[in-house]
């Protein structure tokens, strides 16, 4: 269950900004990604830690899937 901080409007806005930053980075627009990430951190300084945890969980899940499929690329 999410705590009060995770339910705050500021946190939700920061999370949305951080998601958009990741999308921009994946699209190769690093300037936009940095701008959005900075906005997210200004909105909620704790967002970076949460996004790092989410990215690490996604990485582990992708590696587990790859390993399960025999390392196919």
N, C-alpha and C. Protein backbone atom coordinates (compact mmCIF):
# COMPACT_ATOMS: atom_id res chain seq x y z
N UNK A 1 0.84 -1.18 0.00
CA UNK A 1 0.00 0.00 0.00
C UNK A 1 0.88 1.24 0.00
N UNK A 2 0.52 2.20 -0.80
CA UNK A 2 1.30 3.43 -0.91
C UNK A 2 1.09 4.30 0.32
N UNK A 3 2.18 4.95 0.72
CA UNK A 3 2.11 5.86 1.85
C UNK A 3 1.54 7.20 1.43
N UNK A 4 1.39 8.09 2.41
CA UNK A 4 0.83 9.40 2.12
C UNK A 4 1.67 10.17 1.11
N UNK A 5 2.99 10.03 1.23
CA UNK A 5 3.86 10.75 0.30
C UNK A 5 3.61 10.31 -1.14
N UNK A 6 3.50 9.01 -1.37
CA UNK A 6 3.30 8.49 -2.71
C UNK A 6 1.94 8.85 -3.28
N UNK A 7 1.02 9.24 -2.42
CA UNK A 7 -0.32 9.60 -2.87
C UNK A 7 -0.48 11.11 -3.07
N UNK A 8 0.54 11.89 -2.72
CA UNK A 8 0.43 13.34 -2.82
C UNK A 8 0.40 13.78 -4.28
N UNK A 9 -0.27 14.88 -4.56
CA UNK A 9 -0.29 15.39 -5.94
C UNK A 9 1.11 15.73 -6.46
N UNK A 10 1.97 16.21 -5.58
CA UNK A 10 3.34 16.54 -6.00
C UNK A 10 4.08 15.29 -6.44
N UNK A 11 3.92 14.22 -5.68
CA UNK A 11 4.61 12.98 -6.02
C UNK A 11 4.10 12.43 -7.35
N UNK A 12 2.80 12.44 -7.52
CA UNK A 12 2.22 11.94 -8.77
C UNK A 12 2.71 12.75 -9.96
N UNK A 13 2.77 14.07 -9.81
CA UNK A 13 3.26 14.92 -10.89
C UNK A 13 4.74 14.60 -11.18
N UNK A 14 5.54 14.47 -10.13
CA UNK A 14 6.95 14.16 -10.30
C UNK A 14 7.13 12.81 -10.99
N UNK A 15 6.32 11.84 -10.63
CA UNK A 15 6.39 10.51 -11.25
C UNK A 15 6.07 10.60 -12.73
N UNK A 16 5.04 11.36 -13.08
CA UNK A 16 4.69 11.53 -14.49
C UNK A 16 5.83 12.20 -15.26
N UNK A 17 6.43 13.24 -14.66
CA UNK A 17 7.56 13.92 -15.29
C UNK A 17 8.74 12.98 -15.48
N UNK A 18 9.01 12.17 -14.47
CA UNK A 18 10.12 11.22 -14.55
C UNK A 18 9.87 10.17 -15.64
N UNK A 19 8.64 9.70 -15.75
CA UNK A 19 8.30 8.75 -16.81
C UNK A 19 8.52 9.38 -18.19
N UNK A 20 8.11 10.64 -18.33
CA UNK A 20 8.30 11.34 -19.60
C UNK A 20 9.80 11.53 -19.88
N UNK A 21 10.57 11.76 -18.83
CA UNK A 21 12.03 11.90 -18.99
C UNK A 21 12.63 10.60 -19.51
N UNK A 22 12.19 9.48 -18.98
CA UNK A 22 12.69 8.18 -19.45
C UNK A 22 12.30 7.94 -20.90
N UNK A 23 11.08 8.30 -21.25
CA UNK A 23 10.65 8.15 -22.64
C UNK A 23 11.51 9.00 -23.57
N UNK A 24 11.78 10.24 -23.17
CA UNK A 24 12.60 11.13 -23.99
C UNK A 24 14.02 10.56 -24.13
N UNK A 25 14.54 10.01 -23.05
CA UNK A 25 15.88 9.43 -23.11
C UNK A 25 15.91 8.24 -24.06
N UNK A 26 14.89 7.41 -24.01
CA UNK A 26 14.83 6.25 -24.91
C UNK A 26 14.70 6.68 -26.36
N UNK A 27 14.08 7.85 -26.59
CA UNK A 27 13.94 8.37 -27.94
C UNK A 27 15.20 9.10 -28.41
N UNK A 28 16.19 9.23 -27.51
CA UNK A 28 17.44 9.87 -27.86
C UNK A 28 17.48 11.37 -27.63
N UNK A 29 16.43 11.94 -27.04
CA UNK A 29 16.37 13.38 -26.79
C UNK A 29 16.88 13.64 -25.37
N UNK A 30 18.19 13.65 -25.22
CA UNK A 30 18.78 13.79 -23.89
C UNK A 30 18.54 15.15 -23.26
N UNK A 31 18.47 16.20 -24.08
CA UNK A 31 18.22 17.54 -23.53
C UNK A 31 16.83 17.59 -22.89
N UNK A 32 15.84 17.05 -23.59
CA UNK A 32 14.47 17.01 -23.05
C UNK A 32 14.41 16.12 -21.82
N UNK A 33 15.10 14.99 -21.88
CA UNK A 33 15.11 14.06 -20.75
C UNK A 33 15.68 14.73 -19.50
N UNK A 34 16.79 15.45 -19.66
CA UNK A 34 17.40 16.12 -18.51
C UNK A 34 16.48 17.19 -17.95
N UNK A 35 15.86 17.97 -18.84
CA UNK A 35 14.94 19.02 -18.40
C UNK A 35 13.77 18.43 -17.60
N UNK A 36 13.18 17.36 -18.12
CA UNK A 36 12.05 16.73 -17.43
C UNK A 36 12.49 16.10 -16.11
N UNK A 37 13.67 15.48 -16.09
CA UNK A 37 14.17 14.87 -14.85
C UNK A 37 14.43 15.95 -13.80
N UNK A 38 14.98 17.07 -14.22
CA UNK A 38 15.21 18.18 -13.27
C UNK A 38 13.89 18.71 -12.72
N UNK A 39 12.89 18.81 -13.59
CA UNK A 39 11.57 19.27 -13.13
C UNK A 39 10.98 18.28 -12.12
N UNK A 40 11.15 16.99 -12.40
CA UNK A 40 10.64 15.97 -11.49
C UNK A 40 11.31 16.07 -10.13
N UNK A 41 12.63 16.26 -10.12
CA UNK A 41 13.36 16.37 -8.85
C UNK A 41 12.99 17.64 -8.09
N UNK A 42 12.70 18.72 -8.81
CA UNK A 42 12.27 19.95 -8.15
C UNK A 42 10.89 19.77 -7.53
N UNK A 43 10.04 19.03 -8.22
CA UNK A 43 8.69 18.80 -7.73
C UNK A 43 8.69 17.89 -6.51
N UNK A 44 9.52 16.84 -6.55
CA UNK A 44 9.63 15.89 -5.45
C UNK A 44 11.05 15.34 -5.40
N UNK A 45 11.86 15.86 -4.49
CA UNK A 45 13.26 15.43 -4.41
C UNK A 45 13.45 13.92 -4.19
N UNK A 46 12.44 13.23 -3.69
CA UNK A 46 12.56 11.79 -3.44
C UNK A 46 12.31 10.94 -4.68
N UNK A 47 11.90 11.56 -5.78
CA UNK A 47 11.50 10.80 -6.96
C UNK A 47 12.66 10.02 -7.56
N UNK A 48 13.87 10.54 -7.49
CA UNK A 48 15.01 9.86 -8.11
C UNK A 48 15.23 8.48 -7.49
N UNK A 49 15.13 8.39 -6.18
CA UNK A 49 15.30 7.09 -5.52
C UNK A 49 14.24 6.10 -5.98
N UNK A 50 13.00 6.56 -6.07
CA UNK A 50 11.92 5.67 -6.49
C UNK A 50 12.11 5.21 -7.93
N UNK A 51 12.48 6.12 -8.81
CA UNK A 51 12.66 5.75 -10.20
C UNK A 51 13.84 4.80 -10.36
N UNK A 52 14.89 5.00 -9.58
CA UNK A 52 16.02 4.07 -9.62
C UNK A 52 15.59 2.67 -9.20
N UNK A 53 14.76 2.58 -8.18
CA UNK A 53 14.25 1.27 -7.75
C UNK A 53 13.41 0.63 -8.85
N UNK A 54 12.55 1.43 -9.49
CA UNK A 54 11.70 0.90 -10.55
C UNK A 54 12.54 0.43 -11.75
N UNK A 55 13.54 1.23 -12.12
CA UNK A 55 14.40 0.83 -13.23
C UNK A 55 15.18 -0.44 -12.93
N UNK A 56 15.65 -0.56 -11.71
CA UNK A 56 16.39 -1.77 -11.32
C UNK A 56 15.47 -2.99 -11.35
N UNK A 57 14.25 -2.83 -10.89
CA UNK A 57 13.29 -3.94 -10.92
C UNK A 57 12.99 -4.33 -12.37
N UNK A 58 12.83 -3.33 -13.25
CA UNK A 58 12.59 -3.62 -14.66
C UNK A 58 13.79 -4.33 -15.29
N UNK A 59 15.01 -3.90 -14.94
CA UNK A 59 16.21 -4.53 -15.47
C UNK A 59 16.29 -6.00 -15.05
N UNK A 60 16.01 -6.25 -13.76
CA UNK A 60 16.05 -7.64 -13.28
C UNK A 60 15.00 -8.49 -13.98
N UNK A 61 13.82 -7.92 -14.19
CA UNK A 61 12.76 -8.67 -14.86
C UNK A 61 13.16 -8.98 -16.30
N UNK A 62 13.76 -8.02 -16.99
CA UNK A 62 14.19 -8.24 -18.37
C UNK A 62 15.29 -9.30 -18.43
N UNK A 63 16.22 -9.25 -17.50
CA UNK A 63 17.29 -10.26 -17.47
C UNK A 63 16.74 -11.65 -17.18
N UNK A 64 15.78 -11.73 -16.28
CA UNK A 64 15.18 -13.03 -15.97
C UNK A 64 14.47 -13.59 -17.20
N UNK A 65 13.77 -12.73 -17.93
CA UNK A 65 13.09 -13.16 -19.14
C UNK A 65 14.11 -13.63 -20.18
N UNK A 66 15.17 -12.86 -20.35
CA UNK A 66 16.22 -13.22 -21.31
C UNK A 66 16.84 -14.56 -20.94
N UNK A 67 17.16 -14.72 -19.66
CA UNK A 67 17.78 -15.97 -19.20
C UNK A 67 16.83 -17.15 -19.40
N UNK A 68 15.57 -16.93 -19.18
CA UNK A 68 14.57 -17.99 -19.34
C UNK A 68 14.46 -18.42 -20.80
N UNK A 69 14.68 -17.48 -21.70
CA UNK A 69 14.60 -17.79 -23.13
C UNK A 69 15.93 -18.24 -23.69
N UNK A 70 16.92 -18.42 -22.83
CA UNK A 70 18.21 -18.94 -23.28
C UNK A 70 19.15 -17.89 -23.83
N UNK A 71 18.93 -16.64 -23.45
CA UNK A 71 19.83 -15.58 -23.87
C UNK A 71 19.67 -15.16 -25.31
N UNK A 72 18.50 -15.48 -25.91
CA UNK A 72 18.25 -15.07 -27.30
C UNK A 72 18.25 -13.56 -27.39
N UNK A 73 18.66 -13.05 -28.53
CA UNK A 73 18.62 -11.60 -28.76
C UNK A 73 17.81 -11.29 -29.97
